[in-house]
Structure formats: structure tokens, C-alpha cells
C-alpha atoms as a PDB file:
ATOM      1  CA  MET A   1       0.000   0.000   0.000  1.00  0.00           C
ATOM      2  CA  ILE A   2       2.794   2.391   0.938  1.00  0.00           C
ATOM      3  CA  PHE A   3       4.703   1.569  -2.241  1.00  0.00           C
ATOM      4  CA  ARG A   4       1.596   2.263  -4.314  1.00  0.00           C
ATOM      5  CA  LYS A   5       1.194   5.705  -2.726  1.00  0.00           C
ATOM      6  CA  ILE A   6       4.846   6.499  -3.377  1.00  0.00           C
ATOM      7  CA  TYR A   7       4.483   5.323  -6.972  1.00  0.00           C
ATOM      8  CA  LEU A   8       1.393   7.486  -7.551  1.00  0.00           C
ATOM      9  CA  TYR A   9       3.096  10.479  -5.918  1.00  0.00           C
ATOM     10  CA  TYR A  10       6.089  10.298  -8.248  1.00  0.00           C
ATOM     11  CA  MET A  11       3.886   9.683 -11.268  1.00  0.00           C
ATOM     12  CA  GLU A  12       1.990  12.896 -10.478  1.00  0.00           C
ATOM     13  CA  ILE A  13       5.264  14.804 -10.276  1.00  0.00           C
ATOM     14  CA  LEU A  14       6.409  13.322 -13.590  1.00  0.00           C
ATOM     15  CA  ILE A  15       3.151  14.296 -15.313  1.00  0.00           C
ATOM     16  CA  ILE A  16       3.419  17.860 -13.977  1.00  0.00           C
ATOM     17  CA  LEU A  17       7.002  18.135 -15.234  1.00  0.00           C
ATOM     18  CA  ILE A  18       5.984  16.851 -18.685  1.00  0.00           C
ATOM     19  CA  ILE A  19       3.168  19.439 -18.866  1.00  0.00           C
ATOM     20  CA  ILE A  20       5.549  22.245 -17.860  1.00  0.00           C
ATOM     21  CA  LEU A  21       8.127  21.156 -20.452  1.00  0.00           C
ATOM     22  CA  PHE A  22       5.448  20.955 -23.164  1.00  0.00           C
ATOM     23  CA  ASN A  23       4.232  24.476 -22.371  1.00  0.00           C
ATOM     24  CA  LEU A  24       7.770  25.842 -22.427  1.00  0.00           C
ATOM     25  CA  LEU A  25       8.295  24.364 -25.895  1.00  0.00           C
ATOM     26  CA  LEU A  26       5.030  25.924 -27.086  1.00  0.00           C
ATOM     27  CA  ILE A  27       6.103  29.332 -25.790  1.00  0.00           C
ATOM     28  CA  LYS A  28       9.501  29.054 -27.474  1.00  0.00           C
ATOM     29  CA  ASN A  29       7.973  28.116 -30.837  1.00  0.00           C
ATOM     30  CA  GLU A  30       5.405  30.898 -30.540  1.00  0.00           C
ATOM     31  CA  TYR A  31       8.147  33.499 -30.242  1.00  0.00           C
ATOM     32  CA  LEU A  32      10.073  32.163 -33.216  1.00  0.00           C
ATOM     33  CA  THR A  33       7.230  33.709 -35.180  1.00  0.00           C
ATOM     34  CA  ASN A  34       5.996  37.229 -34.593  1.00  0.00           C
ATOM     35  CA  LYS A  35       2.888  37.447 -32.435  1.00  0.00           C
ATOM     36  CA  LYS A  36      -0.294  36.781 -34.384  1.00  0.00           C
ATOM     37  CA  HIS A  37      -1.265  40.460 -34.406  1.00  0.00           C
ATOM     38  CA  TRP A  38       1.948  41.320 -36.282  1.00  0.00           C
ATOM     39  CA  LEU A  39       2.055  38.503 -38.843  1.00  0.00           C
ATOM     40  CA  ASN A  40       0.856  40.709 -41.721  1.00  0.00           C
ATOM     41  CA  TYR A  41       2.884  43.761 -40.666  1.00  0.00           C
ATOM     42  CA  ARG A  42       5.451  44.649 -43.351  1.00  0.00           C
ATOM     43  CA  LEU A  43       7.359  47.578 -41.934  1.00  0.00           C
ATOM     44  CA  GLY A  44      10.144  47.647 -44.522  1.00  0.00           C
ATOM     45  CA  ASP A  45       7.804  47.600 -47.528  1.00  0.00           C
ATOM     46  CA  ILE A  46       5.685  50.365 -45.997  1.00  0.00           C
ATOM     47  CA  ILE A  47       8.626  52.688 -45.318  1.00  0.00           C
ATOM     48  CA  ILE A  48      10.082  52.383 -48.830  1.00  0.00           C
ATOM     49  CA  GLY A  49       6.627  52.686 -50.418  1.00  0.00           C
ATOM     50  CA  GLU A  50       6.554  49.235 -51.987  1.00  0.00           C
ATOM     51  CA  CYS A  51       3.011  48.651 -50.721  1.00  0.00           C
ATOM     52  CA  TYR A  52       1.874  52.054 -51.993  1.00  0.00           C
ATOM     53  CA  ARG A  53       3.241  51.847 -55.520  1.00  0.00           C
ATOM     54  CA  LYS A  54       1.524  48.549 -56.248  1.00  0.00           C
ATOM     55  CA  SER A  55      -2.147  49.343 -56.808  1.00  0.00           C
ATOM     56  CA  TRP A  56      -3.362  45.949 -55.536  1.00  0.00           C
ATOM     57  CA  GLU A  57      -1.604  46.583 -52.205  1.00  0.00           C
ATOM     58  CA  ARG A  58      -2.768  50.178 -51.742  1.00  0.00           C
ATOM     59  CA  LYS A  59      -5.724  49.012 -49.644  1.00  0.00           C
ATOM     60  CA  TYR A  60      -3.319  47.339 -47.199  1.00  0.00           C
ATOM     61  CA  PHE A  61      -1.169  50.481 -47.046  1.00  0.00           C
ATOM     62  CA  ASN A  62      -4.189  52.680 -46.316  1.00  0.00           C
ATOM     63  CA  SER A  63      -5.360  50.358 -43.534  1.00  0.00           C
ATOM     64  CA  ILE A  64      -2.126  50.456 -41.507  1.00  0.00           C
ATOM     65  CA  GLU A  65      -3.153  53.272 -39.161  1.00  0.00           C
ATOM     66  CA  LYS A  66      -6.314  51.353 -38.257  1.00  0.00           C
ATOM     67  CA  LEU A  67      -4.731  47.894 -38.045  1.00  0.00           C
ATOM     68  CA  TYR A  68      -1.558  48.947 -36.206  1.00  0.00           C
ATOM     69  CA  PRO A  69      -2.251  52.240 -34.374  1.00  0.00           C
ATOM     70  CA  ASN A  70       0.818  53.879 -32.833  1.00  0.00           C
ATOM     71  CA  SER A  71       3.128  51.466 -34.654  1.00  0.00           C
ATOM     72  CA  ILE A  72       6.267  52.758 -36.377  1.00  0.00           C
ATOM     73  CA  ALA A  73       4.569  52.276 -39.753  1.00  0.00           C
ATOM     74  CA  ALA A  74       1.374  54.095 -38.719  1.00  0.00           C
ATOM     75  CA  ILE A  75       3.285  57.067 -37.303  1.00  0.00           C
ATOM     76  CA  TYR A  76       5.527  57.186 -40.376  1.00  0.00           C
ATOM     77  CA  ILE A  77       2.530  57.278 -42.743  1.00  0.00           C
ATOM     78  CA  LYS A  78       0.892  60.026 -40.670  1.00  0.00           C
ATOM     79  CA  LYS A  79       4.055  62.149 -40.660  1.00  0.00           C
ATOM     80  CA  THR A  80       4.769  61.762 -44.390  1.00  0.00           C
ATOM     81  CA  ASN A  81       1.386  61.634 -46.153  1.00  0.00           C
ATOM     82  CA  HIS A  82       1.469  65.406 -46.843  1.00  0.00           C
ATOM     83  CA  LEU A  83       4.925  65.335 -48.444  1.00  0.00           C
ATOM     84  CA  LYS A  84       5.235  65.713 -52.210  1.00  0.00           C
ATOM     85  CA  HIS A  85       8.864  64.636 -52.197  1.00  0.00           C
ATOM     86  CA  ASN A  86      10.764  62.346 -49.863  1.00  0.00           C
ATOM     87  CA  ARG A  87       7.585  60.656 -48.720  1.00  0.00           C
ATOM     88  CA  PHE A  88       9.148  57.230 -48.791  1.00  0.00           C
ATOM     89  CA  ASN A  89      12.490  56.053 -47.441  1.00  0.00           C
ATOM     90  CA  ASN A  90      12.753  59.246 -45.389  1.00  0.00           C
ATOM     91  CA  MET A  91      15.489  58.393 -42.909  1.00  0.00           C
ATOM     92  CA  ASN A  92      15.202  61.635 -40.929  1.00  0.00           C
ATOM     93  CA  ILE A  93      11.557  60.998 -40.092  1.00  0.00           C
ATOM     94  CA  LEU A  94      12.096  57.283 -39.433  1.00  0.00           C
ATOM     95  CA  ASP A  95      15.070  58.028 -37.192  1.00  0.00           C
ATOM     96  CA  LYS A  96      13.015  60.579 -35.209  1.00  0.00           C
ATOM     97  CA  ILE A  97      10.235  58.020 -34.685  1.00  0.00           C
ATOM     98  CA  VAL A  98      12.762  55.474 -33.415  1.00  0.00           C
ATOM     99  CA  ARG A  99      14.320  58.046 -31.050  1.00  0.00           C
ATOM    100  CA  ASP A 100      10.892  58.966 -29.661  1.00  0.00           C
ATOM    101  CA  LYS A 101      10.052  55.306 -29.056  1.00  0.00           C
ATOM    102  CA  THR A 102      13.415  54.340 -27.545  1.00  0.00           C
ATOM    103  CA  THR A 103      13.493  53.495 -23.842  1.00  0.00           C
ATOM    104  CA  LYS A 104      16.209  52.184 -21.527  1.00  0.00           C
ATOM    105  CA  ASN A 105      14.906  48.660 -22.097  1.00  0.00           C
ATOM    106  CA  ASN A 106      15.525  48.661 -25.855  1.00  0.00           C
ATOM    107  CA  ILE A 107      19.096  49.933 -26.033  1.00  0.00           C
ATOM    108  CA  PRO A 108      21.674  47.142 -26.533  1.00  0.00           C
ATOM    109  CA  GLY A 109      24.634  49.008 -25.042  1.00  0.00           C
ATOM    110  CA  ASN A 110      28.146  49.532 -26.399  1.00  0.00           C
ATOM    111  CA  ASP A 111      29.327  46.091 -25.267  1.00  0.00           C
ATOM    112  CA  LYS A 112      26.882  44.251 -27.534  1.00  0.00           C
ATOM    113  CA  ILE A 113      27.252  42.908 -31.075  1.00  0.00           C
ATOM    114  CA  VAL A 114      23.739  42.600 -32.467  1.00  0.00           C
ATOM    115  CA  ILE A 115      23.190  40.040 -35.230  1.00  0.00           C
ATOM    116  CA  HIS A 116      19.917  40.050 -37.156  1.00  0.00           C
ATOM    117  CA  LEU A 117      18.875  36.581 -38.292  1.00  0.00           C
ATOM    118  CA  ARG A 118      16.146  36.492 -40.905  1.00  0.00           C
ATOM    119  CA  ILE A 119      14.177  33.275 -40.565  1.00  0.00           C
ATOM    120  CA  GLY A 120      10.676  32.226 -41.674  1.00  0.00           C
ATOM    121  CA  ASP A 121      10.251  33.006 -45.369  1.00  0.00           C
ATOM    122  CA  SER A 122      14.010  32.914 -45.978  1.00  0.00           C
ATOM    123  CA  LEU A 123      14.144  29.142 -45.395  1.00  0.00           C
ATOM    124  CA  LYS A 124      12.829  26.745 -48.042  1.00  0.00           C
ATOM    125  CA  ASP A 125      13.649  23.170 -47.037  1.00  0.00           C
ATOM    126  CA  TYR A 126      16.056  20.796 -45.297  1.00  0.00           C
ATOM    127  CA  LYS A 127      17.405  17.845 -47.287  1.00  0.00           C
ATOM    128  CA  ASN A 128      20.329  15.461 -46.828  1.00  0.00           C
ATOM    129  CA  GLY A 129      21.485  17.298 -43.724  1.00  0.00           C
ATOM    130  CA  LYS A 130      21.568  20.705 -45.427  1.00  0.00           C
ATOM    131  CA  LEU A 131      19.342  23.751 -45.303  1.00  0.00           C
ATOM    132  CA  ILE A 132      17.922  25.039 -48.578  1.00  0.00           C
ATOM    133  CA  TYR A 133      17.303  28.779 -48.728  1.00  0.00           C
ATOM    134  CA  ASN A 134      14.822  30.803 -50.722  1.00  0.00           C
ATOM    135  CA  LYS A 135      16.878  32.599 -53.346  1.00  0.00           C
ATOM    136  CA  ARG A 136      17.011  36.311 -54.079  1.00  0.00           C
ATOM    137  CA  LYS A 137      19.280  37.297 -56.973  1.00  0.00           C
ATOM    138  CA  ARG A 138      19.671  40.959 -56.014  1.00  0.00           C
ATOM    139  CA  PHE A 139      21.749  39.994 -52.976  1.00  0.00           C
ATOM    140  CA  LYS A 140      25.402  39.039 -53.288  1.00  0.00           C
ATOM    141  CA  SER A 141      24.821  35.909 -51.209  1.00  0.00           C
ATOM    142  CA  GLY A 142      21.735  35.059 -53.263  1.00  0.00           C
ATOM    143  CA  THR A 143      19.569  34.627 -50.147  1.00  0.00           C
ATOM    144  CA  TYR A 144      17.689  36.658 -47.534  1.00  0.00           C
ATOM    145  CA  ALA A 145      19.127  34.609 -44.673  1.00  0.00           C
ATOM    146  CA  ILE A 146      22.706  34.509 -43.458  1.00  0.00           C
ATOM    147  CA  LYS A 147      23.761  31.049 -44.627  1.00  0.00           C
ATOM    148  CA  VAL A 148      25.050  28.755 -41.899  1.00  0.00           C
ATOM    149  CA  GLU A 149      28.439  28.395 -43.617  1.00  0.00           C
ATOM    150  CA  SER A 150      28.678  32.199 -43.925  1.00  0.00           C
ATOM    151  CA  PHE A 151      27.816  32.535 -40.240  1.00  0.00           C
ATOM    152  CA  GLU A 152      30.827  30.379 -39.380  1.00  0.00           C
ATOM    153  CA  HIS A 153      33.143  32.813 -41.202  1.00  0.00           C
ATOM    154  CA  LEU A 154      31.336  35.756 -39.620  1.00  0.00           C
ATOM    155  CA  ILE A 155      31.889  34.400 -36.106  1.00  0.00           C
ATOM    156  CA  ASP A 156      35.554  33.666 -36.839  1.00  0.00           C
ATOM    157  CA  TYR A 157      35.877  37.308 -37.944  1.00  0.00           C
ATOM    158  CA  ILE A 158      34.278  38.539 -34.707  1.00  0.00           C
ATOM    159  CA  LYS A 159      36.485  36.310 -32.557  1.00  0.00           C
ATOM    160  CA  LYS A 160      39.616  37.577 -34.287  1.00  0.00           C
ATOM    161  CA  ASN A 161      38.805  41.276 -34.677  1.00  0.00           C
ATOM    162  CA  ILE A 162      36.264  42.359 -32.051  1.00  0.00           C
ATOM    163  CA  LYS A 163      37.188  41.765 -28.426  1.00  0.00           C
ATOM    164  CA  ASN A 164      35.197  41.966 -25.188  1.00  0.00           C
ATOM    165  CA  LYS A 165      31.784  42.138 -26.823  1.00  0.00           C
ATOM    166  CA  LYS A 166      28.708  40.028 -26.142  1.00  0.00           C
ATOM    167  CA  ILE A 167      26.664  38.651 -29.028  1.00  0.00           C
ATOM    168  CA  VAL A 168      22.901  39.140 -29.176  1.00  0.00           C
ATOM    169  CA  LEU A 169      20.883  37.157 -31.729  1.00  0.00           C
ATOM    170  CA  VAL A 170      17.674  38.912 -32.770  1.00  0.00           C
ATOM    171  CA  TYR A 171      15.110  37.084 -34.843  1.00  0.00           C
ATOM    172  CA  GLY A 172      11.413  36.729 -35.578  1.00  0.00           C
ATOM    173  CA  ALA A 173       9.352  35.836 -38.631  1.00  0.00           C
ATOM    174  CA  HIS A 174       6.119  36.871 -40.280  1.00  0.00           C
ATOM    175  CA  LYS A 175       5.699  33.335 -41.636  1.00  0.00           C
ATOM    176  CA  LYS A 176       5.214  30.240 -39.494  1.00  0.00           C
ATOM    177  CA  ASN A 177       7.988  27.840 -40.408  1.00  0.00           C
ATOM    178  CA  GLU A 178       8.798  26.289 -37.048  1.00  0.00           C
ATOM    179  CA  ARG A 179      10.603  23.132 -38.178  1.00  0.00           C
ATOM    180  CA  LEU A 180      13.049  24.954 -40.463  1.00  0.00           C
ATOM    181  CA  ASN A 181      13.405  27.872 -38.041  1.00  0.00           C
ATOM    182  CA  ASN A 182      14.480  25.496 -35.272  1.00  0.00           C
ATOM    183  CA  ILE A 183      16.924  23.608 -37.506  1.00  0.00           C
ATOM    184  CA  TYR A 184      18.521  26.861 -38.666  1.00  0.00           C
ATOM    185  CA  LEU A 185      18.742  28.399 -35.196  1.00  0.00           C
ATOM    186  CA  ASN A 186      20.186  25.219 -33.691  1.00  0.00           C
ATOM    187  CA  GLU A 187      22.924  25.239 -36.357  1.00  0.00           C
ATOM    188  CA  ILE A 188      23.683  28.897 -35.597  1.00  0.00           C
ATOM    189  CA  LYS A 189      23.830  28.345 -31.838  1.00  0.00           C
ATOM    190  CA  LYS A 190      25.977  25.236 -32.285  1.00  0.00           C
ATOM    191  CA  ILE A 191      28.609  27.339 -34.083  1.00  0.00           C
ATOM    192  CA  LEU A 192      28.701  29.828 -31.208  1.00  0.00           C
ATOM    193  CA  LYS A 193      28.927  27.099 -28.575  1.00  0.00           C
ATOM    194  CA  VAL A 194      31.741  25.251 -30.376  1.00  0.00           C
ATOM    195  CA  ARG A 195      33.728  28.497 -30.544  1.00  0.00           C
ATOM    196  CA  LYS A 196      32.890  29.208 -26.898  1.00  0.00           C
ATOM    197  CA  LEU A 197      31.418  32.623 -27.616  1.00  0.00           C
ATOM    198  CA  PRO A 198      28.763  33.691 -25.085  1.00  0.00           C
ATOM    199  CA  PHE A 199      25.501  34.885 -26.571  1.00  0.00           C
ATOM    200  CA  THR A 200      21.940  35.764 -25.687  1.00  0.00           C
ATOM    201  CA  GLU A 201      18.764  35.644 -27.742  1.00  0.00           C
ATOM    202  CA  LYS A 202      16.166  38.386 -28.036  1.00  0.00           C
ATOM    203  CA  LEU A 203      12.700  37.148 -28.968  1.00  0.00           C
ATOM    204  CA  THR A 204       9.896  39.660 -28.483  1.00  0.00           C
ATOM    205  CA  GLY A 205       7.417  38.634 -31.173  1.00  0.00           C
ATOM    206  CA  ASN A 206       7.059  42.351 -31.911  1.00  0.00           C
ATOM    207  CA  PRO A 207       8.803  43.647 -35.081  1.00  0.00           C
ATOM    208  CA  ASP A 208       8.649  47.269 -33.887  1.00  0.00           C
ATOM    209  CA  ASP A 209      10.385  46.482 -30.592  1.00  0.00           C
ATOM    210  CA  ASP A 210      13.032  44.463 -32.446  1.00  0.00           C
ATOM    211  CA  PHE A 211      13.521  47.278 -34.968  1.00  0.00           C
ATOM    212  CA  ILE A 212      14.029  49.881 -32.229  1.00  0.00           C
ATOM    213  CA  TYR A 213      16.443  47.633 -30.318  1.00  0.00           C
ATOM    214  CA  MET A 214      18.558  46.857 -33.379  1.00  0.00           C
ATOM    215  CA  ALA A 215      18.493  50.471 -34.626  1.00  0.00           C
ATOM    216  CA  ASN A 216      20.161  51.474 -31.343  1.00  0.00           C
ATOM    217  CA  SER A 217      23.078  49.080 -31.915  1.00  0.00           C
ATOM    218  CA  LYS A 218      26.669  50.283 -31.956  1.00  0.00           C
ATOM    219  CA  TYR A 219      27.792  47.095 -33.745  1.00  0.00           C
ATOM    220  CA  PHE A 220      25.270  45.548 -36.140  1.00  0.00           C
ATOM    221  CA  PHE A 221      25.581  42.540 -38.438  1.00  0.00           C
ATOM    222  CA  LYS A 222      22.755  42.742 -40.959  1.00  0.00           C
ATOM    223  CA  SER A 223      20.750  40.180 -42.874  1.00  0.00           C
ATOM    224  CA  ASN A 224      19.360  40.833 -46.344  1.00  0.00           C
ATOM    225  CA  GLY A 225      16.039  42.561 -46.958  1.00  0.00           C
ATOM    226  CA  THR A 226      14.491  45.996 -46.553  1.00  0.00           C
ATOM    227  CA  TYR A 227      13.870  45.645 -42.807  1.00  0.00           C
ATOM    228  CA  SER A 228      17.553  45.037 -42.059  1.00  0.00           C
ATOM    229  CA  ASP A 229      18.600  47.685 -44.612  1.00  0.00           C
ATOM    230  CA  LEU A 230      16.540  50.382 -42.866  1.00  0.00           C
ATOM    231  CA  ILE A 231      18.016  49.459 -39.493  1.00  0.00           C
ATOM    232  CA  SER A 232      21.500  49.699 -41.030  1.00  0.00           C
ATOM    233  CA  ASN A 233      20.770  53.157 -42.464  1.00  0.00           C
ATOM    234  CA  ILE A 234      19.707  54.491 -39.064  1.00  0.00           C
ATOM    235  CA  ILE A 235      22.758  53.016 -37.326  1.00  0.00           C
ATOM    236  CA  ARG A 236      25.153  54.525 -39.883  1.00  0.00           C
ATOM    237  CA  LYS A 237      23.347  57.863 -39.611  1.00  0.00           C
ATOM    238  CA  ASN A 238      24.056  57.861 -35.875  1.00  0.00           C
ATOM    239  CA  GLY A 239      27.699  56.827 -36.148  1.00  0.00           C
ATOM    240  CA  GLY A 240      27.348  53.104 -35.475  1.00  0.00           C
ATOM    241  CA  ILE A 241      29.146  50.281 -37.274  1.00  0.00           C
ATOM    242  CA  VAL A 242      27.287  48.057 -39.741  1.00  0.00           C
ATOM    243  CA  VAL A 243      28.799  44.860 -41.111  1.00  0.00           C
ATOM    244  CA  ASP A 244      27.311  43.428 -44.307  1.00  0.00           C
ATOM    245  CA  THR A 245      27.114  39.661 -43.905  1.00  0.00           C
ATOM    246  CA  ASN A 246      27.194  39.253 -47.709  1.00  0.00           C
ATOM    247  CA  ASN A 247      30.948  39.696 -47.400  1.00  0.00           C
ATOM    248  CA  PHE A 248      31.447  36.408 -45.539  1.00  0.00           C
END
């Protein structure tokens, strides 16, 4: 009888631990993708006017202030809709919005190297132990994502040339692609662990918060795409250092 009670007691503990572990995995996977509210939020395309120039996307552009009130995109549209020139890709206005929204909690600090990892729609498949990336010819690397093999060279460069800095990986996606996201991120983290470089991960699920954090970087390693390009432009404007990962 006593043994049965002990058995049941430990079984209850085991079940509780399994439930906790399952919930933790769900939370982690949720934050690999931007929060549901933000899944259709295309900040980069809005700032450069891509959504405005295409007539079939004009409805989306005009709905931003209603869908995402007080977002970077909504404020940008409000501040630029009267301009005849420089309405799009206006770095002065975008920079001012970022400054106004910056708080102590979203400044990386001078001791941080911030690396933007584009996941989600940048990953196509995984076959024979290798990741396959969605291609984009306009980039030197041919992909939106930083390829795993390129990341190895990038980290070797950091280890050799930049001392006493802590690495922060920032990522999120507007497309649910959990299996490939996890494979890619595990490969990236494995490289850092093998080289014994300490790192942290920043997962907010909010593309505006990520944008503000990265735009305040002093050392920034960019991915490909408009979102990362805009962040790079703001950092350069404010005297920070941007490293183009296409060079690795």
C-alpha cells in the first residue's frame, strides 16, 4: 500500500514536469514567429513605399493606421502623407520616430554585437542534412538569410577582430515555419557554442520592438532585406558600425 502511494506520488510529479516542459516548448515556438497580431505587418515595404506603388496593395497600405495604431509604420505614414517629395524612405523621419520610441529597455549598449537573423520566409527546405534557402538574386549571397556556412566565417571574424563584446541574436518571422526555423537556429547556436562565444537571444514577437532595439546598436551585423537595410541606415546615420554579412 505504501509503495503504491509512493508510486502514484512520483507519477503525479512526472506528469506535472511533462506538462511544464510541453508548455515551455510551445512558448519558445510561438516566439520564433511574430505574435499573431503582427504577422501581416510589413514595416520595410511600408517605409520604402513598396506597398503604396503597387495598386493591388494600396488598400493594405491605407489600412495600416487602423490595423496597427501607434506602430512605427502608422506614425511614419501620418508624418509623411502630406509630403510631395521624400515621402518614402525618409530616414530623418524614421530616425526621429525610433528616437521617440526608444526606452532604456531597448538599447543594446556599447558592449553588444547585435546580429539580425532572418528566418521564416528565408528558409525553403532541409534535405540530406543541409538547409535550402529561398533565393534572391539581387543579394550578393543570393539569399535573404545569413547562410550557416557564412555565419561560421562571420563568427571567426568577430572572434579575431572584435574583443570583449557580447553577441545578441535577434530574430522573428512573419511566416510560421517552425521546423526549419528550429533547424537553422540550432545550427547557428551550435557554431557559437563550439567556438565558446557567449551569446543571448532576443525574442519579443514584436517587429517594432526588435527594430528599435537593433536600430540602437553600436555594432550591427545585418541580414538581407528591406527591414535590415533600414536598421542599417539608421545606425550609420548615428555613427554606429554596420557589417554586411554578404561579405562572408
